[in-house]
Amino acid sequence: MKLCEKEIEKLVNEMHKQKNCCECVLEICSGEMNLKNKKEFESLARFFGSGLNSGCVCGALIGAILISDLKNKNLGKAEAYAISNRLHQKFVERNKVICCRILKPQKRCNEIVKNMIADLLEID
């Protein structure tokens, strides 16, 4: 992925007006990855909003893990899990929790989405 920080910020700010965190991560990253079934893939993301609609796992983290798996689909399971674990660990280090019900009231969703996209860029 070759998006710069300003492009990511602009896309996130615009998209987040109508889309949840998972949709934002998936749409921005899938556009860069030229995914074939982009529409179907994006429709899956709507169910990950508001922490699985229960305040649980942040959708930005879910979206980043889904994209990382697509980007690294040729890796073995252990290597793919290592990347997923690294994304999770960075998320927790940065945000302390992964629960949407705790993060959302802090009004940091755009920042969290941008950070997850940046983390995905580092994996390249």
N, C-alpha and C. Protein backbone atom coordinates (compact mmCIF):
# COMPACT_ATOMS: atom_id res chain seq x y z
N MET A 1 0.84 -1.18 0.00
CA MET A 1 0.00 0.00 0.00
C MET A 1 0.88 1.23 0.00
N LYS A 2 0.45 2.23 -0.75
CA LYS A 2 1.32 3.39 -0.94
C LYS A 2 0.68 4.70 -0.52
N LEU A 3 -0.37 4.67 0.26
CA LEU A 3 -1.01 5.90 0.70
C LEU A 3 -0.11 6.66 1.66
N CYS A 4 -0.12 7.98 1.53
CA CYS A 4 0.63 8.79 2.49
C CYS A 4 -0.29 9.17 3.65
N GLU A 5 0.31 9.69 4.70
CA GLU A 5 -0.44 10.00 5.93
C GLU A 5 -1.58 10.99 5.68
N LYS A 6 -1.34 12.01 4.85
CA LYS A 6 -2.38 13.01 4.57
C LYS A 6 -3.55 12.38 3.81
N GLU A 7 -3.25 11.49 2.85
CA GLU A 7 -4.30 10.82 2.10
C GLU A 7 -5.14 9.94 3.01
N ILE A 8 -4.47 9.22 3.89
CA ILE A 8 -5.17 8.36 4.84
C ILE A 8 -6.09 9.20 5.72
N GLU A 9 -5.57 10.30 6.24
CA GLU A 9 -6.37 11.16 7.11
C GLU A 9 -7.60 11.69 6.39
N LYS A 10 -7.43 12.14 5.16
CA LYS A 10 -8.56 12.67 4.38
C LYS A 10 -9.60 11.58 4.14
N LEU A 11 -9.15 10.40 3.71
CA LEU A 11 -10.07 9.30 3.45
C LEU A 11 -10.83 8.88 4.71
N VAL A 12 -10.11 8.75 5.81
CA VAL A 12 -10.75 8.34 7.06
C VAL A 12 -11.77 9.38 7.50
N ASN A 13 -11.42 10.65 7.46
CA ASN A 13 -12.34 11.70 7.89
C ASN A 13 -13.61 11.71 7.05
N GLU A 14 -13.49 11.50 5.75
CA GLU A 14 -14.66 11.47 4.87
C GLU A 14 -15.48 10.20 5.07
N MET A 15 -14.82 9.07 5.07
CA MET A 15 -15.53 7.79 5.16
C MET A 15 -16.22 7.61 6.50
N HIS A 16 -15.58 8.06 7.55
CA HIS A 16 -16.11 7.80 8.88
C HIS A 16 -17.42 8.54 9.13
N LYS A 17 -17.79 9.43 8.25
CA LYS A 17 -19.08 10.10 8.38
C LYS A 17 -20.22 9.14 8.10
N GLN A 18 -19.96 8.09 7.30
CA GLN A 18 -21.01 7.16 6.90
C GLN A 18 -20.68 5.70 7.19
N LYS A 19 -19.48 5.40 7.56
CA LYS A 19 -19.06 4.01 7.71
C LYS A 19 -18.48 3.76 9.10
N ASN A 20 -18.53 2.49 9.51
CA ASN A 20 -17.94 2.15 10.80
C ASN A 20 -16.43 1.95 10.65
N CYS A 21 -15.75 1.74 11.76
CA CYS A 21 -14.28 1.64 11.76
C CYS A 21 -13.78 0.50 10.88
N CYS A 22 -14.42 -0.65 10.98
CA CYS A 22 -14.00 -1.79 10.17
C CYS A 22 -14.18 -1.50 8.69
N GLU A 23 -15.31 -0.91 8.32
CA GLU A 23 -15.55 -0.56 6.92
C GLU A 23 -14.49 0.41 6.41
N CYS A 24 -14.12 1.38 7.22
CA CYS A 24 -13.09 2.35 6.81
C CYS A 24 -11.76 1.66 6.52
N VAL A 25 -11.31 0.83 7.45
CA VAL A 25 -10.03 0.13 7.25
C VAL A 25 -10.10 -0.74 6.01
N LEU A 26 -11.18 -1.52 5.88
CA LEU A 26 -11.29 -2.43 4.75
C LEU A 26 -11.39 -1.70 3.42
N GLU A 27 -12.19 -0.65 3.38
CA GLU A 27 -12.37 0.06 2.11
C GLU A 27 -11.09 0.75 1.67
N ILE A 28 -10.43 1.43 2.57
CA ILE A 28 -9.19 2.13 2.21
C ILE A 28 -8.12 1.13 1.78
N CYS A 29 -7.95 0.07 2.55
CA CYS A 29 -6.89 -0.90 2.25
C CYS A 29 -7.22 -1.79 1.07
N SER A 30 -8.49 -2.18 0.93
CA SER A 30 -8.85 -3.05 -0.19
C SER A 30 -8.73 -2.30 -1.51
N GLY A 31 -8.97 -0.99 -1.49
CA GLY A 31 -8.77 -0.19 -2.69
C GLY A 31 -7.33 -0.20 -3.14
N GLU A 32 -6.43 -0.16 -2.18
CA GLU A 32 -5.01 -0.20 -2.48
C GLU A 32 -4.56 -1.58 -2.94
N MET A 33 -5.26 -2.61 -2.47
CA MET A 33 -4.87 -3.99 -2.78
C MET A 33 -5.53 -4.53 -4.04
N ASN A 34 -6.45 -3.75 -4.64
CA ASN A 34 -7.19 -4.18 -5.83
C ASN A 34 -7.86 -5.53 -5.62
N LEU A 35 -8.60 -5.66 -4.53
CA LEU A 35 -9.30 -6.91 -4.25
C LEU A 35 -10.38 -7.14 -5.30
N LYS A 36 -10.54 -8.38 -5.72
CA LYS A 36 -11.49 -8.70 -6.78
C LYS A 36 -12.94 -8.56 -6.33
N ASN A 37 -13.30 -9.13 -5.22
CA ASN A 37 -14.68 -9.09 -4.74
C ASN A 37 -14.86 -8.01 -3.67
N LYS A 38 -14.42 -6.83 -4.00
CA LYS A 38 -14.38 -5.73 -3.04
C LYS A 38 -15.76 -5.45 -2.42
N LYS A 39 -16.80 -5.41 -3.23
CA LYS A 39 -18.14 -5.09 -2.73
C LYS A 39 -18.62 -6.13 -1.72
N GLU A 40 -18.44 -7.39 -2.03
CA GLU A 40 -18.86 -8.45 -1.12
C GLU A 40 -18.06 -8.38 0.18
N PHE A 41 -16.77 -8.14 0.02
CA PHE A 41 -15.89 -8.05 1.18
C PHE A 41 -16.30 -6.88 2.07
N GLU A 42 -16.58 -5.74 1.46
CA GLU A 42 -16.97 -4.56 2.22
C GLU A 42 -18.30 -4.77 2.92
N SER A 43 -19.21 -5.52 2.30
CA SER A 43 -20.51 -5.74 2.94
C SER A 43 -20.37 -6.56 4.22
N LEU A 44 -19.34 -7.39 4.30
CA LEU A 44 -19.10 -8.14 5.53
C LEU A 44 -18.74 -7.22 6.68
N ALA A 45 -18.07 -6.13 6.39
CA ALA A 45 -17.55 -5.24 7.43
C ALA A 45 -18.65 -4.54 8.21
N ARG A 46 -19.81 -4.37 7.63
CA ARG A 46 -20.85 -3.61 8.33
C ARG A 46 -21.28 -4.26 9.64
N PHE A 47 -21.09 -5.56 9.76
CA PHE A 47 -21.50 -6.26 10.97
C PHE A 47 -20.46 -6.16 12.09
N PHE A 48 -19.32 -5.56 11.79
CA PHE A 48 -18.28 -5.41 12.80
C PHE A 48 -18.31 -4.02 13.45
N GLY A 49 -19.30 -3.22 13.12
CA GLY A 49 -19.41 -1.89 13.72
C GLY A 49 -19.82 -1.96 15.18
N SER A 50 -19.46 -0.94 15.91
CA SER A 50 -19.78 -0.82 17.34
C SER A 50 -19.35 -2.06 18.13
N GLY A 51 -18.18 -2.54 17.82
CA GLY A 51 -17.64 -3.69 18.55
C GLY A 51 -18.51 -4.91 18.43
N LEU A 52 -18.77 -5.31 17.19
CA LEU A 52 -19.65 -6.45 16.89
C LEU A 52 -21.07 -6.16 17.37
N ASN A 53 -21.41 -4.89 17.37
CA ASN A 53 -22.70 -4.39 17.83
C ASN A 53 -22.97 -4.75 19.29
N SER A 54 -21.90 -4.99 20.03
CA SER A 54 -22.05 -5.31 21.45
C SER A 54 -21.02 -4.57 22.30
N GLY A 55 -20.23 -3.71 21.67
CA GLY A 55 -19.22 -2.96 22.40
C GLY A 55 -17.93 -3.73 22.62
N CYS A 56 -17.80 -4.87 21.98
CA CYS A 56 -16.60 -5.70 22.20
C CYS A 56 -15.44 -5.23 21.33
N VAL A 57 -14.84 -6.10 20.56
CA VAL A 57 -13.61 -5.83 19.82
C VAL A 57 -13.79 -4.68 18.82
N CYS A 58 -12.87 -3.73 18.86
CA CYS A 58 -12.87 -2.59 17.95
C CYS A 58 -12.84 -3.06 16.49
N GLY A 59 -13.71 -2.49 15.67
CA GLY A 59 -13.78 -2.86 14.26
C GLY A 59 -12.52 -2.53 13.48
N ALA A 60 -11.80 -1.50 13.89
CA ALA A 60 -10.56 -1.15 13.19
C ALA A 60 -9.53 -2.28 13.34
N LEU A 61 -9.48 -2.87 14.51
CA LEU A 61 -8.57 -4.00 14.73
C LEU A 61 -9.00 -5.21 13.92
N ILE A 62 -10.29 -5.49 13.90
CA ILE A 62 -10.80 -6.61 13.11
C ILE A 62 -10.48 -6.39 11.64
N GLY A 63 -10.75 -5.19 11.13
CA GLY A 63 -10.48 -4.88 9.73
C GLY A 63 -9.01 -5.03 9.38
N ALA A 64 -8.15 -4.57 10.27
CA ALA A 64 -6.71 -4.67 10.02
C ALA A 64 -6.26 -6.13 9.98
N ILE A 65 -6.80 -6.94 10.87
CA ILE A 65 -6.43 -8.36 10.88
C ILE A 65 -6.94 -9.06 9.62
N LEU A 66 -8.15 -8.74 9.19
CA LEU A 66 -8.67 -9.32 7.95
C LEU A 66 -7.80 -8.95 6.76
N ILE A 67 -7.45 -7.67 6.66
CA ILE A 67 -6.62 -7.21 5.55
C ILE A 67 -5.23 -7.84 5.62
N SER A 68 -4.66 -7.94 6.82
CA SER A 68 -3.32 -8.53 6.93
C SER A 68 -3.34 -9.98 6.46
N ASP A 69 -4.42 -10.68 6.74
CA ASP A 69 -4.51 -12.07 6.29
C ASP A 69 -4.61 -12.14 4.77
N LEU A 70 -5.37 -11.23 4.17
CA LEU A 70 -5.46 -11.21 2.71
C LEU A 70 -4.12 -10.85 2.07
N LYS A 71 -3.43 -9.89 2.68
CA LYS A 71 -2.12 -9.48 2.15
C LYS A 71 -1.10 -10.60 2.25
N ASN A 72 -1.24 -11.43 3.25
CA ASN A 72 -0.24 -12.45 3.54
C ASN A 72 -0.80 -13.86 3.40
N LYS A 73 -1.71 -14.04 2.46
CA LYS A 73 -2.40 -15.33 2.33
C LYS A 73 -1.47 -16.47 1.94
N ASN A 74 -0.30 -16.17 1.45
CA ASN A 74 0.64 -17.23 1.07
C ASN A 74 1.51 -17.69 2.24
N LEU A 75 1.38 -17.02 3.37
CA LEU A 75 2.16 -17.41 4.55
C LEU A 75 1.51 -18.62 5.23
N GLY A 76 2.30 -19.32 5.99
CA GLY A 76 1.76 -20.41 6.79
C GLY A 76 0.94 -19.86 7.94
N LYS A 77 0.19 -20.75 8.57
CA LYS A 77 -0.70 -20.35 9.66
C LYS A 77 0.06 -19.69 10.81
N ALA A 78 1.18 -20.25 11.20
CA ALA A 78 1.96 -19.70 12.32
C ALA A 78 2.45 -18.29 12.01
N GLU A 79 2.91 -18.07 10.78
CA GLU A 79 3.39 -16.74 10.39
C GLU A 79 2.24 -15.74 10.35
N ALA A 80 1.09 -16.17 9.82
CA ALA A 80 -0.08 -15.30 9.76
C ALA A 80 -0.56 -14.93 11.16
N TYR A 81 -0.57 -15.91 12.06
CA TYR A 81 -0.94 -15.63 13.44
C TYR A 81 0.04 -14.66 14.10
N ALA A 82 1.30 -14.78 13.77
CA ALA A 82 2.31 -13.88 14.34
C ALA A 82 2.02 -12.43 13.93
N ILE A 83 1.63 -12.23 12.68
CA ILE A 83 1.30 -10.89 12.21
C ILE A 83 0.05 -10.38 12.91
N SER A 84 -0.96 -11.24 13.00
CA SER A 84 -2.19 -10.88 13.70
C SER A 84 -1.90 -10.52 15.15
N ASN A 85 -1.08 -11.31 15.80
CA ASN A 85 -0.72 -11.03 17.19
C ASN A 85 0.04 -9.72 17.32
N ARG A 86 0.90 -9.43 16.34
CA ARG A 86 1.65 -8.17 16.36
C ARG A 86 0.71 -6.97 16.23
N LEU A 87 -0.28 -7.07 15.34
CA LEU A 87 -1.27 -5.99 15.20
C LEU A 87 -2.05 -5.81 16.50
N HIS A 88 -2.46 -6.91 17.09
CA HIS A 88 -3.20 -6.86 18.35
C HIS A 88 -2.35 -6.23 19.45
N GLN A 89 -1.11 -6.65 19.54
CA GLN A 89 -0.21 -6.13 20.57
C GLN A 89 0.01 -4.62 20.41
N LYS A 90 0.24 -4.17 19.17
CA LYS A 90 0.42 -2.73 18.93
C LYS A 90 -0.83 -1.96 19.32
N PHE A 91 -1.99 -2.54 18.99
CA PHE A 91 -3.26 -1.90 19.32
C PHE A 91 -3.39 -1.73 20.83
N VAL A 92 -3.11 -2.79 21.57
CA VAL A 92 -3.22 -2.74 23.03
C VAL A 92 -2.19 -1.79 23.63
N GLU A 93 -0.97 -1.80 23.11
CA GLU A 93 0.06 -0.88 23.61
C GLU A 93 -0.38 0.57 23.43
N ARG A 94 -0.99 0.84 22.31
CA ARG A 94 -1.39 2.21 21.99
C ARG A 94 -2.67 2.63 22.72
N ASN A 95 -3.63 1.71 22.82
CA ASN A 95 -4.97 2.06 23.32
C ASN A 95 -5.33 1.45 24.68
N LYS A 96 -4.51 0.54 25.16
CA LYS A 96 -4.70 -0.13 26.46
C LYS A 96 -5.82 -1.18 26.45
N VAL A 97 -6.86 -0.99 25.67
CA VAL A 97 -7.98 -1.94 25.60
C VAL A 97 -8.38 -2.11 24.14
N ILE A 98 -9.16 -3.17 23.86
CA ILE A 98 -9.67 -3.37 22.50
C ILE A 98 -11.20 -3.22 22.45
N CYS A 99 -11.81 -2.89 23.57
CA CYS A 99 -13.27 -2.81 23.67
C CYS A 99 -13.81 -1.50 23.12
N CYS A 100 -14.66 -1.59 22.14
CA CYS A 100 -15.28 -0.42 21.53
C CYS A 100 -16.03 0.41 22.57
N ARG A 101 -16.71 -0.25 23.49
CA ARG A 101 -17.52 0.48 24.48
C ARG A 101 -16.66 1.40 25.36
N ILE A 102 -15.38 1.08 25.47
CA ILE A 102 -14.47 1.93 26.25
C ILE A 102 -13.81 2.98 25.35
N LEU A 103 -13.47 2.58 24.13
CA LEU A 103 -12.76 3.48 23.21
C LEU A 103 -13.68 4.53 22.58
N LYS A 104 -14.87 4.13 22.18
CA LYS A 104 -15.76 5.04 21.43
C LYS A 104 -16.09 6.33 22.19
N PRO A 105 -16.39 6.28 23.48
CA PRO A 105 -16.68 7.53 24.19
C PRO A 105 -15.51 8.51 24.23
N GLN A 106 -14.31 8.01 23.99
CA GLN A 106 -13.13 8.88 23.98
C GLN A 106 -13.04 9.69 22.68
N LYS A 107 -13.91 9.39 21.73
CA LYS A 107 -13.97 10.11 20.45
C LYS A 107 -12.64 10.08 19.71
N ARG A 108 -11.99 8.90 19.70
CA ARG A 108 -10.69 8.75 19.05
C ARG A 108 -10.77 7.78 17.87
N CYS A 109 -11.96 7.50 17.38
CA CYS A 109 -12.12 6.48 16.35
C CYS A 109 -11.30 6.78 15.09
N ASN A 110 -11.33 8.01 14.61
CA ASN A 110 -10.55 8.34 13.41
C ASN A 110 -9.07 8.09 13.63
N GLU A 111 -8.58 8.50 14.80
CA GLU A 111 -7.17 8.28 15.14
C GLU A 111 -6.84 6.79 15.18
N ILE A 112 -7.73 6.01 15.76
CA ILE A 112 -7.51 4.56 15.87
C ILE A 112 -7.48 3.93 14.48
N VAL A 113 -8.42 4.32 13.62
CA VAL A 113 -8.45 3.78 12.25
C VAL A 113 -7.17 4.15 11.51
N LYS A 114 -6.76 5.41 11.60
CA LYS A 114 -5.52 5.84 10.93
C LYS A 114 -4.32 5.05 11.43
N ASN A 115 -4.25 4.82 12.72
CA ASN A 115 -3.14 4.05 13.29
C ASN A 115 -3.14 2.61 12.79
N MET A 116 -4.31 2.01 12.68
CA MET A 116 -4.36 0.62 12.20
C MET A 116 -3.91 0.54 10.73
N ILE A 117 -4.29 1.51 9.94
CA ILE A 117 -3.85 1.53 8.54
C ILE A 117 -2.34 1.73 8.49
N ALA A 118 -1.82 2.62 9.31
CA ALA A 118 -0.36 2.82 9.37
C ALA A 118 0.35 1.54 9.79
N ASP A 119 -0.22 0.82 10.74
CA ASP A 119 0.38 -0.45 11.17
C ASP A 119 0.40 -1.45 10.01
N LEU A 120 -0.66 -1.46 9.23
CA LEU A 120 -0.69 -2.36 8.06
C LEU A 120 0.37 -1.96 7.04
N LEU A 121 0.59 -0.67 6.87
CA LEU A 121 1.62 -0.21 5.94
C LEU A 121 3.00 -0.67 6.37
N GLU A 122 3.23 -0.73 7.67
CA GLU A 122 4.52 -1.18 8.19
C GLU A 122 4.79 -2.65 7.90
N ILE A 123 3.74 -3.42 7.77
CA ILE A 123 3.89 -4.86 7.53
C ILE A 123 4.44 -5.13 6.13
N ASP A 124 4.17 -4.23 5.18
CA ASP A 124 4.64 -4.43 3.79
C ASP A 124 6.11 -4.72 3.72
